[in-house]
Amino acid sequence: MEELKASALRLRELMRRLVRGIGLLERGDAACCGITLSQCHALGEIAAREGLTPGELAARLAIDPGAATRIADALVRNGLVRREGDPSDRRVVRLVLTPEGRRFWSQVQEAMLERSRALLQRLPPDRRPLVLAALADLVEALEQEGYLGSVQGGRCRGGATTGSAGPL
């Protein structure tokens, strides 16, 4: 049991440092492109599933609907996203990338891919598949625990949920 506790403490410390490093990496990618990290995450979600409603965007980012609307407003002002009415329900508004938004997202993805390549190159080639497999296992465990996917926020002790957990 002590071994499991020690491993859990080590995992927690490594995850804390990993999340911090990824946050700084992503913030740098977003900043170099002239948008906030939140806007970058939202743009990625819209690119992955064009036609999201602001409510669906909020759920995918695990943020409150008002924050999702503010982020969408900024992306619309920047000419990266446009709002379209839903032909089957005029009350519904959908978010879609503009042509400029598609070009912009392509540039952001290329910058992120280059950073990922640089990180992989720092690992010994024979360890790369192991690292990727371990990360995939960790993501799956997080999904099974309800921290990723369509769940709003994260879970605290006792089953309570965090109100507006960020995308990381």
C-alpha atoms as a PDB file:
ATOM      1  CA  MET A   1       0.000   0.000   0.000  1.00  0.00           C
ATOM      2  CA  GLU A   2       2.874   2.392   0.743  1.00  0.00           C
ATOM      3  CA  GLU A   3       4.269   1.726  -2.716  1.00  0.00           C
ATOM      4  CA  LEU A   4       0.947   2.767  -4.266  1.00  0.00           C
ATOM      5  CA  LYS A   5       0.883   5.921  -2.138  1.00  0.00           C
ATOM      6  CA  ALA A   6       4.455   6.786  -3.130  1.00  0.00           C
ATOM      7  CA  SER A   7       3.613   6.164  -6.792  1.00  0.00           C
ATOM      8  CA  ALA A   8       0.471   8.292  -6.506  1.00  0.00           C
ATOM      9  CA  LEU A   9       2.487  11.144  -4.991  1.00  0.00           C
ATOM     10  CA  ARG A  10       5.063  10.845  -7.791  1.00  0.00           C
ATOM     11  CA  LEU A  11       2.314  10.777 -10.435  1.00  0.00           C
ATOM     12  CA  ARG A  12       0.695  13.867  -8.911  1.00  0.00           C
ATOM     13  CA  GLU A  13       3.989  15.777  -8.934  1.00  0.00           C
ATOM     14  CA  LEU A  14       4.799  14.741 -12.502  1.00  0.00           C
ATOM     15  CA  MET A  15       1.293  15.653 -13.674  1.00  0.00           C
ATOM     16  CA  ARG A  16       1.499  19.044 -11.950  1.00  0.00           C
ATOM     17  CA  ARG A  17       4.770  19.794 -13.705  1.00  0.00           C
ATOM     18  CA  LEU A  18       3.487  18.412 -17.003  1.00  0.00           C
ATOM     19  CA  VAL A  19       0.321  20.505 -16.885  1.00  0.00           C
ATOM     20  CA  ARG A  20       2.386  23.589 -16.047  1.00  0.00           C
ATOM     21  CA  GLY A  21       4.800  22.919 -18.909  1.00  0.00           C
ATOM     22  CA  ILE A  22       2.010  22.215 -21.396  1.00  0.00           C
ATOM     23  CA  GLY A  23       0.211  25.363 -20.267  1.00  0.00           C
ATOM     24  CA  LEU A  24       3.303  27.471 -20.886  1.00  0.00           C
ATOM     25  CA  LEU A  25       3.906  25.754 -24.214  1.00  0.00           C
ATOM     26  CA  GLU A  26       0.329  26.313 -25.376  1.00  0.00           C
ATOM     27  CA  ARG A  27       0.252  29.866 -24.051  1.00  0.00           C
ATOM     28  CA  GLY A  28       3.383  30.569 -26.089  1.00  0.00           C
ATOM     29  CA  ASP A  29       1.821  29.067 -29.210  1.00  0.00           C
ATOM     30  CA  ALA A  30      -1.336  31.130 -28.758  1.00  0.00           C
ATOM     31  CA  ALA A  31       0.521  34.333 -27.880  1.00  0.00           C
ATOM     32  CA  CYS A  32       2.716  34.072 -30.947  1.00  0.00           C
ATOM     33  CA  CYS A  33      -0.454  33.936 -32.992  1.00  0.00           C
ATOM     34  CA  GLY A  34      -2.055  36.956 -31.310  1.00  0.00           C
ATOM     35  CA  ILE A  35      -4.925  35.276 -29.455  1.00  0.00           C
ATOM     36  CA  THR A  36      -5.427  34.117 -25.895  1.00  0.00           C
ATOM     37  CA  LEU A  37      -5.013  30.498 -24.856  1.00  0.00           C
ATOM     38  CA  SER A  38      -8.766  30.252 -24.209  1.00  0.00           C
ATOM     39  CA  GLN A  39      -9.464  31.546 -27.700  1.00  0.00           C
ATOM     40  CA  CYS A  40      -6.964  29.067 -29.104  1.00  0.00           C
ATOM     41  CA  HIS A  41      -8.705  26.164 -27.336  1.00  0.00           C
ATOM     42  CA  ALA A  42     -12.098  27.364 -28.555  1.00  0.00           C
ATOM     43  CA  LEU A  43     -10.835  27.758 -32.106  1.00  0.00           C
ATOM     44  CA  GLY A  44      -9.534  24.194 -31.978  1.00  0.00           C
ATOM     45  CA  GLU A  45     -12.888  22.876 -30.794  1.00  0.00           C
ATOM     46  CA  ILE A  46     -14.732  24.781 -33.524  1.00  0.00           C
ATOM     47  CA  ALA A  47     -12.259  23.548 -36.144  1.00  0.00           C
ATOM     48  CA  ALA A  48     -12.739  19.963 -34.942  1.00  0.00           C
ATOM     49  CA  ARG A  49     -16.522  20.199 -35.045  1.00  0.00           C
ATOM     50  CA  GLU A  50     -17.768  23.143 -37.054  1.00  0.00           C
ATOM     51  CA  GLY A  51     -21.288  24.175 -36.322  1.00  0.00           C
ATOM     52  CA  LEU A  52     -21.029  23.979 -32.537  1.00  0.00           C
ATOM     53  CA  THR A  53     -23.478  26.114 -30.622  1.00  0.00           C
ATOM     54  CA  PRO A  54     -21.989  28.359 -27.940  1.00  0.00           C
ATOM     55  CA  GLY A  55     -23.497  25.984 -25.351  1.00  0.00           C
ATOM     56  CA  GLU A  56     -21.825  22.979 -26.949  1.00  0.00           C
ATOM     57  CA  LEU A  57     -18.548  24.907 -27.044  1.00  0.00           C
ATOM     58  CA  ALA A  58     -18.905  25.640 -23.324  1.00  0.00           C
ATOM     59  CA  ALA A  59     -19.457  21.941 -22.601  1.00  0.00           C
ATOM     60  CA  ARG A  60     -16.472  20.870 -24.704  1.00  0.00           C
ATOM     61  CA  LEU A  61     -14.213  23.400 -22.960  1.00  0.00           C
ATOM     62  CA  ALA A  62     -15.752  22.731 -19.524  1.00  0.00           C
ATOM     63  CA  ILE A  63     -16.449  26.424 -18.954  1.00  0.00           C
ATOM     64  CA  ASP A  64     -19.621  28.340 -18.226  1.00  0.00           C
ATOM     65  CA  PRO A  65     -21.776  29.427 -21.191  1.00  0.00           C
ATOM     66  CA  GLY A  66     -21.144  33.125 -20.568  1.00  0.00           C
ATOM     67  CA  ALA A  67     -17.392  32.613 -20.861  1.00  0.00           C
ATOM     68  CA  ALA A  68     -17.866  30.622 -24.062  1.00  0.00           C
ATOM     69  CA  THR A  69     -19.952  33.450 -25.517  1.00  0.00           C
ATOM     70  CA  ARG A  70     -17.284  36.026 -24.631  1.00  0.00           C
ATOM     71  CA  ILE A  71     -14.588  33.874 -26.235  1.00  0.00           C
ATOM     72  CA  ALA A  72     -16.733  33.370 -29.352  1.00  0.00           C
ATOM     73  CA  ASP A  73     -17.373  37.137 -29.493  1.00  0.00           C
ATOM     74  CA  ALA A  74     -13.613  37.776 -29.518  1.00  0.00           C
ATOM     75  CA  LEU A  75     -13.063  35.204 -32.286  1.00  0.00           C
ATOM     76  CA  VAL A  76     -15.857  36.817 -34.328  1.00  0.00           C
ATOM     77  CA  ARG A  77     -14.316  40.285 -33.799  1.00  0.00           C
ATOM     78  CA  ASN A  78     -10.957  38.907 -34.973  1.00  0.00           C
ATOM     79  CA  GLY A  79     -12.590  37.574 -38.132  1.00  0.00           C
ATOM     80  CA  LEU A  80     -11.720  33.953 -37.331  1.00  0.00           C
ATOM     81  CA  VAL A  81     -15.241  32.692 -36.634  1.00  0.00           C
ATOM     82  CA  ARG A  82     -18.689  33.664 -37.824  1.00  0.00           C
ATOM     83  CA  ARG A  83     -22.103  32.938 -36.399  1.00  0.00           C
ATOM     84  CA  GLU A  84     -24.630  31.235 -38.645  1.00  0.00           C
ATOM     85  CA  GLY A  85     -28.279  30.559 -38.025  1.00  0.00           C
ATOM     86  CA  ASP A  86     -29.383  26.953 -37.983  1.00  0.00           C
ATOM     87  CA  PRO A  87     -31.690  26.387 -40.970  1.00  0.00           C
ATOM     88  CA  SER A  88     -33.790  23.884 -38.996  1.00  0.00           C
ATOM     89  CA  ASP A  89     -34.194  26.101 -35.909  1.00  0.00           C
ATOM     90  CA  ARG A  90     -33.862  29.866 -36.215  1.00  0.00           C
ATOM     91  CA  ARG A  91     -33.290  30.204 -32.464  1.00  0.00           C
ATOM     92  CA  VAL A  92     -30.022  28.251 -32.697  1.00  0.00           C
ATOM     93  CA  VAL A  93     -26.741  29.935 -33.592  1.00  0.00           C
ATOM     94  CA  ARG A  94     -23.812  27.875 -34.850  1.00  0.00           C
ATOM     95  CA  LEU A  95     -20.105  28.773 -34.842  1.00  0.00           C
ATOM     96  CA  VAL A  96     -18.070  28.141 -37.998  1.00  0.00           C
ATOM     97  CA  LEU A  97     -14.573  29.102 -39.070  1.00  0.00           C
ATOM     98  CA  THR A  98     -14.138  31.818 -41.654  1.00  0.00           C
ATOM     99  CA  PRO A  99     -11.622  31.228 -44.464  1.00  0.00           C
ATOM    100  CA  GLU A 100      -9.193  33.372 -42.465  1.00  0.00           C
ATOM    101  CA  GLY A 101      -9.964  31.265 -39.389  1.00  0.00           C
ATOM    102  CA  ARG A 102      -9.116  28.084 -41.310  1.00  0.00           C
ATOM    103  CA  ARG A 103      -5.778  29.532 -42.461  1.00  0.00           C
ATOM    104  CA  PHE A 104      -5.057  30.809 -38.968  1.00  0.00           C
ATOM    105  CA  TRP A 105      -5.885  27.451 -37.339  1.00  0.00           C
ATOM    106  CA  SER A 106      -3.667  25.669 -39.862  1.00  0.00           C
ATOM    107  CA  GLN A 107      -0.763  27.923 -38.830  1.00  0.00           C
ATOM    108  CA  VAL A 108      -1.449  27.302 -35.138  1.00  0.00           C
ATOM    109  CA  GLN A 109      -1.560  23.540 -35.706  1.00  0.00           C
ATOM    110  CA  GLU A 110       1.735  23.654 -37.598  1.00  0.00           C
ATOM    111  CA  ALA A 111       3.370  25.614 -34.760  1.00  0.00           C
ATOM    112  CA  MET A 112       2.063  23.099 -32.197  1.00  0.00           C
ATOM    113  CA  LEU A 113       3.195  20.177 -34.346  1.00  0.00           C
ATOM    114  CA  GLU A 114       6.689  21.636 -34.602  1.00  0.00           C
ATOM    115  CA  ARG A 115       6.860  21.976 -30.806  1.00  0.00           C
ATOM    116  CA  SER A 116       5.728  18.350 -30.456  1.00  0.00           C
ATOM    117  CA  ARG A 117       8.393  17.235 -32.926  1.00  0.00           C
ATOM    118  CA  ALA A 118      11.045  19.106 -30.937  1.00  0.00           C
ATOM    119  CA  LEU A 119       9.923  17.421 -27.721  1.00  0.00           C
ATOM    120  CA  LEU A 120       9.925  13.966 -29.314  1.00  0.00           C
ATOM    121  CA  GLN A 121      13.422  14.544 -30.644  1.00  0.00           C
ATOM    122  CA  ARG A 122      14.619  15.054 -27.066  1.00  0.00           C
ATOM    123  CA  LEU A 123      13.526  11.508 -26.219  1.00  0.00           C
ATOM    124  CA  PRO A 124      15.596   8.475 -27.171  1.00  0.00           C
ATOM    125  CA  PRO A 125      13.995   6.971 -30.317  1.00  0.00           C
ATOM    126  CA  ASP A 126      13.414   3.596 -28.655  1.00  0.00           C
ATOM    127  CA  ARG A 127      11.506   5.264 -25.744  1.00  0.00           C
ATOM    128  CA  ARG A 128       9.151   7.366 -27.903  1.00  0.00           C
ATOM    129  CA  PRO A 129       6.573   4.584 -28.411  1.00  0.00           C
ATOM    130  CA  LEU A 130       6.618   3.850 -24.675  1.00  0.00           C
ATOM    131  CA  VAL A 131       6.045   7.498 -23.767  1.00  0.00           C
ATOM    132  CA  LEU A 132       3.196   7.800 -26.259  1.00  0.00           C
ATOM    133  CA  ALA A 133       1.600   4.571 -25.010  1.00  0.00           C
ATOM    134  CA  ALA A 134       1.895   5.704 -21.371  1.00  0.00           C
ATOM    135  CA  LEU A 135       0.326   9.071 -22.190  1.00  0.00           C
ATOM    136  CA  ALA A 136      -2.508   7.337 -24.058  1.00  0.00           C
ATOM    137  CA  ASP A 137      -3.084   5.137 -20.997  1.00  0.00           C
ATOM    138  CA  LEU A 138      -3.129   8.205 -18.742  1.00  0.00           C
ATOM    139  CA  VAL A 139      -5.635   9.987 -20.996  1.00  0.00           C
ATOM    140  CA  GLU A 140      -7.836   6.882 -20.974  1.00  0.00           C
ATOM    141  CA  ALA A 141      -7.689   6.740 -17.167  1.00  0.00           C
ATOM    142  CA  LEU A 142      -8.630  10.430 -16.982  1.00  0.00           C
ATOM    143  CA  GLU A 143     -11.574   9.773 -19.321  1.00  0.00           C
ATOM    144  CA  GLN A 144     -12.698   6.815 -17.222  1.00  0.00           C
ATOM    145  CA  GLU A 145     -12.568   8.972 -14.089  1.00  0.00           C
ATOM    146  CA  GLY A 146     -14.700  11.619 -15.817  1.00  0.00           C
ATOM    147  CA  TYR A 147     -12.044  14.322 -16.113  1.00  0.00           C
ATOM    148  CA  LEU A 148     -12.028  14.389 -19.913  1.00  0.00           C
ATOM    149  CA  GLY A 149     -14.725  14.156 -22.529  1.00  0.00           C
ATOM    150  CA  SER A 150     -18.118  15.762 -22.243  1.00  0.00           C
ATOM    151  CA  VAL A 151     -18.008  16.047 -18.438  1.00  0.00           C
ATOM    152  CA  GLN A 152     -18.276  19.590 -17.086  1.00  0.00           C
ATOM    153  CA  GLY A 153     -15.269  20.433 -14.967  1.00  0.00           C
ATOM    154  CA  GLY A 154     -13.374  18.035 -12.771  1.00  0.00           C
ATOM    155  CA  ARG A 155     -14.409  16.101  -9.701  1.00  0.00           C
ATOM    156  CA  CYS A 156     -13.403  17.030  -6.183  1.00  0.00           C
ATOM    157  CA  ARG A 157     -13.461  14.743  -3.172  1.00  0.00           C
ATOM    158  CA  GLY A 158     -16.965  13.788  -2.227  1.00  0.00           C
ATOM    159  CA  GLY A 159     -18.241  13.930  -5.805  1.00  0.00           C
ATOM    160  CA  ALA A 160     -18.548  17.720  -6.071  1.00  0.00           C
ATOM    161  CA  THR A 161     -17.566  19.239  -9.390  1.00  0.00           C
ATOM    162  CA  THR A 162     -15.416  22.237 -10.099  1.00  0.00           C
ATOM    163  CA  GLY A 163     -17.415  25.038 -11.631  1.00  0.00           C
ATOM    164  CA  SER A 164     -15.370  26.167 -14.576  1.00  0.00           C
ATOM    165  CA  ALA A 165     -12.292  24.056 -14.966  1.00  0.00           C
ATOM    166  CA  GLY A 166     -10.134  25.168 -17.845  1.00  0.00           C
ATOM    167  CA  PRO A 167      -9.231  22.997 -20.790  1.00  0.00           C
ATOM    168  CA  LEU A 168      -6.065  21.685 -19.151  1.00  0.00           C
END
